[in-house]
Amino acid sequence: MDDEKNAIEWENRLSIHIPLVDNQHKMLIEMTNKLYEACKDGDEAAKEQFTKTVHNVVAYISYHFSTEEQIMEVTAYPGYGLHKRYHLEFIRELMKNIAAFEDGKKYVPNQFVRFLRDWILSHVAFIDTKFGKHVTDLQKIGKIGKIVLAGKDVESKPIILAIDDSKQQLSMFKNMLPDYDLLACDSGIKGLEILKRVDVDLILLDLAMPEMSGFEFLQHFRNNPANQRIPVIITSGHNTEKYIVASKQFGASDFIVKPVSPELLNNKIAAHLENTQNLLKIRPLVDKPV
């Protein structure tokens, strides 16, 4: 492992399709890699940095576990009790390793990093994915909506992603929708990239675009079960029955004919968000490690 640049890299197979939790897992990977970097040289400065970083990791893991456990509890996850026990056992093992290291009994940070890496690869990929499926299944049938941190995400504006190859149309959307946080891009491919990083609340989608049509975008987008709850409103100049019917078949939630009326657009967005944005508010607390 000493010759590797990072101890662990984020992979798509680690995603459990809950953006809040996925982002926390990415942060844990980043912190694990910082630990790995800190212990490469093995001198006193590296040892001091490792000691400082490892306590930050434990605090963040406790915070992360509290987030997951609250989601499991409020969504009545059947495996909640067993999953919580896994968390407790992991924290205990971490604290034992840290105590041994600080007592000078052993200085084996590489082993510690391996322990973290192996846990992330096994626990997240095989245990957390079951929990993720439980949550996304509930989102799919409309039982719960977007999962947010209370007092943080809830205070922000709903996020709308507008995908249209017309810069003029994207500019018009910005002027029409002052009450929303608008992200804009000019292709379906760019839209899919944005969606890997941002948990949006609604999508405005053009149909006729180069590289990837609106229909092709919908195919890719709706293939992910976690995306079923997100409304997609088609905004198109194709005002014929066949395009409206095809849009519905590909998974669109609504259809607006261009030129777009600001009043109609705002009314439709508000109606769709009201139906889908039953936010699940989580307020994670950091417990003292046992």
Protein backbone atom coordinates (compact mmCIF):
# COMPACT_ATOMS: atom_id res chain seq x y z
CA MET A 1 0.00 0.00 0.00
CA ASP A 2 2.98 2.35 0.56
CA ASP A 3 3.45 2.92 -3.17
CA GLU A 4 -0.17 3.90 -3.76
CA LYS A 5 -1.13 7.56 -4.08
CA ASN A 6 -4.32 7.10 -2.05
CA ALA A 7 -5.46 4.38 0.32
CA ILE A 8 -8.92 4.30 -1.25
CA GLU A 9 -10.81 5.91 -4.13
CA TRP A 10 -14.53 6.59 -4.46
CA GLU A 11 -16.25 4.15 -6.81
CA ASN A 12 -19.80 4.10 -8.16
CA ARG A 13 -20.39 0.72 -6.50
CA LEU A 14 -20.03 2.47 -3.12
CA SER A 15 -23.00 4.75 -3.81
CA ILE A 16 -26.14 3.90 -1.83
CA HIS A 17 -28.13 6.54 -3.78
CA ILE A 18 -28.87 8.74 -0.77
CA PRO A 19 -26.92 11.92 -1.66
CA LEU A 20 -26.60 13.10 1.95
CA VAL A 21 -25.08 9.76 3.03
CA ASP A 22 -22.98 9.34 -0.13
CA ASN A 23 -21.40 12.76 0.49
CA GLN A 24 -20.53 11.73 4.05
CA HIS A 25 -18.97 8.51 2.76
CA LYS A 26 -16.88 10.57 0.32
CA MET A 27 -15.72 12.74 3.22
CA LEU A 28 -14.68 9.61 5.15
CA ILE A 29 -12.66 8.45 2.15
CA GLU A 30 -10.98 11.85 1.95
CA MET A 31 -10.12 11.73 5.66
CA THR A 32 -8.79 8.16 5.34
CA ASN A 33 -6.50 9.32 2.55
CA LYS A 34 -5.26 12.19 4.75
CA LEU A 35 -4.43 9.66 7.44
CA TYR A 36 -2.58 7.58 4.87
CA GLU A 37 -0.61 10.64 3.72
CA ALA A 38 0.22 11.58 7.31
CA CYS A 39 1.71 8.18 8.15
CA LYS A 40 3.79 7.65 4.99
CA ASP A 41 7.09 9.02 6.32
CA GLY A 42 6.87 7.66 9.85
CA ASP A 43 8.80 10.52 11.50
CA GLU A 44 7.71 12.48 14.59
CA ALA A 45 5.97 15.22 12.57
CA ALA A 46 3.99 12.60 10.68
CA LYS A 47 3.15 10.86 13.95
CA GLU A 48 1.81 14.10 15.43
CA GLN A 49 -0.26 14.80 12.30
CA PHE A 50 -1.60 11.25 12.36
CA THR A 51 -2.68 11.63 16.01
CA LYS A 52 -4.52 14.87 15.27
CA THR A 53 -6.21 13.54 12.15
CA VAL A 54 -7.30 10.23 13.64
CA HIS A 55 -9.37 11.94 16.35
CA ASN A 56 -11.09 14.08 13.70
CA VAL A 57 -11.92 10.87 11.83
CA VAL A 58 -13.50 9.26 14.89
CA ALA A 59 -15.59 12.38 15.60
CA TYR A 60 -16.79 12.50 12.00
CA ILE A 61 -17.59 8.78 11.98
CA SER A 62 -19.76 9.25 15.09
CA TYR A 63 -21.55 12.14 13.38
CA HIS A 64 -22.02 10.05 10.22
CA PHE A 65 -23.37 7.06 12.13
CA SER A 66 -25.90 9.27 13.92
CA THR A 67 -27.12 10.51 10.52
CA GLU A 68 -27.60 6.99 9.19
CA GLU A 69 -29.26 5.74 12.37
CA GLN A 70 -31.80 8.56 12.44
CA ILE A 71 -32.74 7.85 8.82
CA MET A 72 -33.09 4.15 9.60
CA GLU A 73 -35.24 4.86 12.65
CA VAL A 74 -37.68 7.26 10.98
CA THR A 75 -38.01 5.06 7.87
CA ALA A 76 -38.56 1.91 9.97
CA TYR A 77 -35.61 0.07 8.40
CA PRO A 78 -35.95 -3.65 9.35
CA GLY A 79 -32.18 -4.05 9.79
CA TYR A 80 -31.82 -1.01 12.08
CA GLY A 81 -30.90 -2.91 15.27
CA LEU A 82 -28.21 -5.06 13.62
CA HIS A 83 -26.82 -2.11 11.66
CA LYS A 84 -26.53 -0.02 14.82
CA ARG A 85 -24.64 -2.89 16.48
CA TYR A 86 -22.17 -2.94 13.56
CA HIS A 87 -21.61 0.78 14.12
CA LEU A 88 -21.02 0.32 17.86
CA GLU A 89 -18.57 -2.55 17.34
CA PHE A 90 -16.66 -0.54 14.76
CA ILE A 91 -16.33 2.51 17.07
CA ARG A 92 -15.12 0.28 19.91
CA GLU A 93 -12.49 -1.29 17.65
CA LEU A 94 -11.35 2.15 16.52
CA MET A 95 -10.99 3.38 20.10
CA LYS A 96 -9.01 0.27 21.11
CA ASN A 97 -6.56 0.87 18.27
CA ILE A 98 -6.16 4.54 19.15
CA ALA A 99 -5.62 3.77 22.84
CA ALA A 100 -2.92 1.23 21.98
CA PHE A 101 -1.24 3.69 19.65
CA GLU A 102 -1.29 6.55 22.19
CA ASP A 103 0.06 4.29 24.97
CA GLY A 104 3.08 3.64 22.78
CA LYS A 105 2.40 -0.08 22.62
CA LYS A 106 2.51 0.01 18.87
CA TYR A 107 2.83 2.54 16.10
CA VAL A 108 1.27 0.90 13.09
CA PRO A 109 -0.74 3.64 11.32
CA ASN A 110 -0.64 1.73 8.03
CA GLN A 111 -2.57 -1.08 9.70
CA PHE A 112 -5.04 1.47 11.05
CA VAL A 113 -5.56 2.94 7.58
CA ARG A 114 -6.01 -0.55 6.13
CA PHE A 115 -8.62 -1.24 8.80
CA LEU A 116 -10.55 1.92 7.81
CA ARG A 117 -10.20 1.20 4.10
CA ASP A 118 -11.36 -2.41 4.40
CA TRP A 119 -14.33 -1.38 6.53
CA ILE A 120 -15.42 1.25 3.99
CA LEU A 121 -15.13 -1.19 1.10
CA SER A 122 -17.02 -3.97 2.91
CA HIS A 123 -19.53 -2.14 5.13
CA VAL A 124 -20.55 0.52 2.62
CA ALA A 125 -20.59 -1.76 -0.43
CA PHE A 126 -22.43 -4.67 1.17
CA ILE A 127 -24.24 -3.45 4.31
CA ASP A 128 -25.11 0.18 3.61
CA THR A 129 -26.39 -0.62 0.11
CA LYS A 130 -29.22 -2.68 1.66
CA PHE A 131 -30.19 0.31 3.80
CA GLY A 132 -29.93 2.55 0.72
CA LYS A 133 -32.30 0.31 -1.24
CA HIS A 134 -34.84 0.44 1.59
CA VAL A 135 -34.82 4.26 1.49
CA THR A 136 -34.87 4.62 -2.32
CA ASP A 137 -37.73 2.12 -2.52
CA LEU A 138 -39.74 4.37 -0.18
CA GLN A 139 -38.84 7.41 -2.28
CA LYS A 140 -39.87 5.57 -5.42
CA ILE A 141 -43.42 5.06 -4.15
CA GLY A 142 -43.65 8.57 -2.71
CA LYS A 143 -43.57 7.61 0.99
CA ILE A 144 -40.63 9.95 1.67
CA GLY A 145 -38.91 12.70 -0.29
CA LYS A 146 -35.50 14.31 -0.22
CA ILE A 147 -33.43 13.66 2.92
CA VAL A 148 -31.91 16.85 4.35
CA LEU A 149 -30.16 18.09 7.47
CA ALA A 150 -32.62 20.09 9.57
CA GLY A 151 -31.66 23.72 9.98
CA LYS A 152 -29.31 23.64 6.99
CA ASP A 153 -30.66 22.23 3.73
CA VAL A 154 -34.24 23.07 4.70
CA GLU A 155 -33.46 26.79 4.79
CA SER A 156 -32.09 26.83 1.24
CA LYS A 157 -34.13 27.36 -1.92
CA PRO A 158 -35.29 24.32 -3.94
CA ILE A 159 -32.71 23.43 -6.60
CA ILE A 160 -33.86 23.33 -10.22
CA LEU A 161 -31.68 22.02 -13.05
CA ALA A 162 -32.48 23.53 -16.47
CA ILE A 163 -31.12 21.64 -19.50
CA ASP A 164 -31.46 23.44 -22.84
CA ASP A 165 -29.05 24.07 -25.71
CA SER A 166 -30.39 27.63 -26.10
CA LYS A 167 -28.44 30.12 -24.00
CA GLN A 168 -31.27 32.60 -24.46
CA GLN A 169 -33.80 30.14 -23.03
CA LEU A 170 -31.55 29.38 -20.03
CA SER A 171 -31.21 33.11 -19.38
CA MET A 172 -34.99 33.47 -19.54
CA PHE A 173 -35.42 30.67 -17.00
CA LYS A 174 -33.13 32.53 -14.58
CA ASN A 175 -35.26 35.64 -14.88
CA MET A 176 -38.52 33.69 -14.58
CA LEU A 177 -37.54 31.71 -11.46
CA PRO A 178 -36.11 34.08 -8.81
CA ASP A 179 -37.49 31.95 -5.95
CA TYR A 180 -35.35 28.94 -6.87
CA ASP A 181 -31.68 28.05 -6.94
CA LEU A 182 -31.25 27.49 -10.69
CA LEU A 183 -28.47 25.40 -12.23
CA ALA A 184 -28.19 25.58 -16.02
CA CYS A 185 -26.38 23.56 -18.66
CA ASP A 186 -26.63 23.21 -22.45
CA SER A 187 -26.60 19.41 -22.89
CA GLY A 188 -28.01 16.23 -21.42
CA ILE A 189 -24.50 14.83 -20.91
CA LYS A 190 -23.55 17.82 -18.76
CA GLY A 191 -26.85 17.47 -16.92
CA LEU A 192 -26.06 13.87 -15.95
CA GLU A 193 -22.63 14.98 -14.68
CA ILE A 194 -24.22 17.69 -12.51
CA LEU A 195 -26.64 15.14 -11.07
CA LYS A 196 -23.71 13.04 -9.83
CA ARG A 197 -22.72 15.95 -7.56
CA VAL A 198 -25.98 17.77 -6.75
CA ASP A 199 -29.28 16.51 -5.33
CA VAL A 200 -31.76 18.57 -7.35
CA ASP A 201 -35.47 18.99 -6.64
CA LEU A 202 -36.80 19.37 -10.21
CA ILE A 203 -35.55 19.34 -13.81
CA LEU A 204 -36.56 21.48 -16.80
CA LEU A 205 -35.64 19.60 -19.98
CA ASP A 206 -35.53 20.49 -23.66
CA LEU A 207 -36.11 17.67 -26.16
CA ALA A 208 -34.17 18.68 -29.29
CA MET A 209 -30.51 18.89 -28.29
CA PRO A 210 -27.24 17.75 -29.92
CA GLU A 211 -25.24 14.77 -28.54
CA MET A 212 -28.10 13.56 -26.34
CA SER A 213 -31.80 14.25 -26.88
CA GLY A 214 -34.22 14.89 -24.05
CA PHE A 215 -35.63 11.39 -24.51
CA GLU A 216 -32.16 9.83 -24.24
CA PHE A 217 -31.48 11.89 -21.11
CA LEU A 218 -34.73 10.64 -19.54
CA GLN A 219 -33.78 7.03 -20.30
CA HIS A 220 -30.46 7.38 -18.46
CA PHE A 221 -31.96 9.46 -15.65
CA ARG A 222 -34.94 7.24 -14.85
CA ASN A 223 -32.78 4.08 -14.88
CA ASN A 224 -31.58 5.13 -11.41
CA PRO A 225 -34.28 4.22 -8.83
CA ALA A 226 -33.20 7.15 -6.63
CA ASN A 227 -34.28 9.56 -9.38
CA GLN A 228 -37.89 8.40 -9.55
CA ARG A 229 -39.06 11.04 -7.06
CA ILE A 230 -37.59 13.99 -9.03
CA PRO A 231 -40.12 15.69 -11.34
CA VAL A 232 -39.03 16.41 -14.93
CA ILE A 233 -40.92 19.08 -16.87
CA ILE A 234 -40.36 19.05 -20.63
CA THR A 235 -40.13 22.51 -22.22
CA SER A 236 -40.30 22.06 -25.98
CA GLY A 237 -41.38 23.73 -29.20
CA HIS A 238 -42.73 20.38 -30.46
CA ASN A 239 -46.42 20.99 -29.85
CA THR A 240 -47.82 17.70 -31.11
CA GLU A 241 -49.61 14.88 -29.33
CA LYS A 242 -46.96 12.29 -30.21
CA TYR A 243 -44.19 14.25 -28.43
CA ILE A 244 -46.35 14.77 -25.34
CA VAL A 245 -47.27 11.07 -25.18
CA ALA A 246 -43.67 9.96 -25.81
CA SER A 247 -42.43 12.29 -23.05
CA LYS A 248 -44.77 10.64 -20.55
CA GLN A 249 -43.67 7.18 -21.70
CA PHE A 250 -40.01 8.11 -21.14
CA GLY A 251 -40.77 9.30 -17.59
CA ALA A 252 -41.50 13.03 -17.88
CA SER A 253 -43.82 14.47 -15.25
CA ASP A 254 -45.24 17.34 -17.32
CA PHE A 255 -44.98 19.15 -20.66
CA ILE A 256 -44.90 22.90 -21.40
CA VAL A 257 -44.91 24.23 -24.95
CA LYS A 258 -42.44 26.98 -25.86
CA PRO A 259 -42.52 29.93 -25.67
CA VAL A 260 -42.81 29.35 -21.96
CA SER A 261 -45.21 31.47 -19.92
CA PRO A 262 -43.56 32.57 -16.60
CA GLU A 263 -46.85 32.24 -14.70
CA LEU A 264 -47.60 28.75 -16.06
CA LEU A 265 -44.02 27.60 -15.41
CA ASN A 266 -44.02 28.82 -11.79
CA ASN A 267 -47.44 27.29 -11.13
CA LYS A 268 -46.42 23.89 -12.50
CA ILE A 269 -43.11 23.88 -10.60
CA ALA A 270 -44.86 24.80 -7.33
CA ALA A 271 -47.45 22.05 -7.84
CA HIS A 272 -44.87 19.34 -8.56
CA LEU A 273 -42.64 20.36 -5.64
CA GLU A 274 -45.62 20.33 -3.29
CA ASN A 275 -46.35 16.74 -4.31
CA THR A 276 -42.78 15.45 -4.12
CA GLN A 277 -40.87 17.57 -1.62
CA ASN A 278 -42.05 15.90 1.58
CA LEU A 279 -38.62 16.45 3.09
CA LEU A 280 -37.24 13.96 5.62
CA LYS A 281 -35.45 16.22 8.11
CA ILE A 282 -32.51 14.70 9.98
CA ARG A 283 -30.78 16.35 12.93
CA PRO A 284 -27.76 14.14 13.66
CA LEU A 285 -26.15 14.32 17.09
CA VAL A 286 -22.62 13.27 17.93
CA ASP A 287 -22.55 10.74 20.75
CA LYS A 288 -19.43 10.08 22.76
CA PRO A 289 -17.63 7.00 21.40
CA VAL A 290 -18.09 3.99 23.65
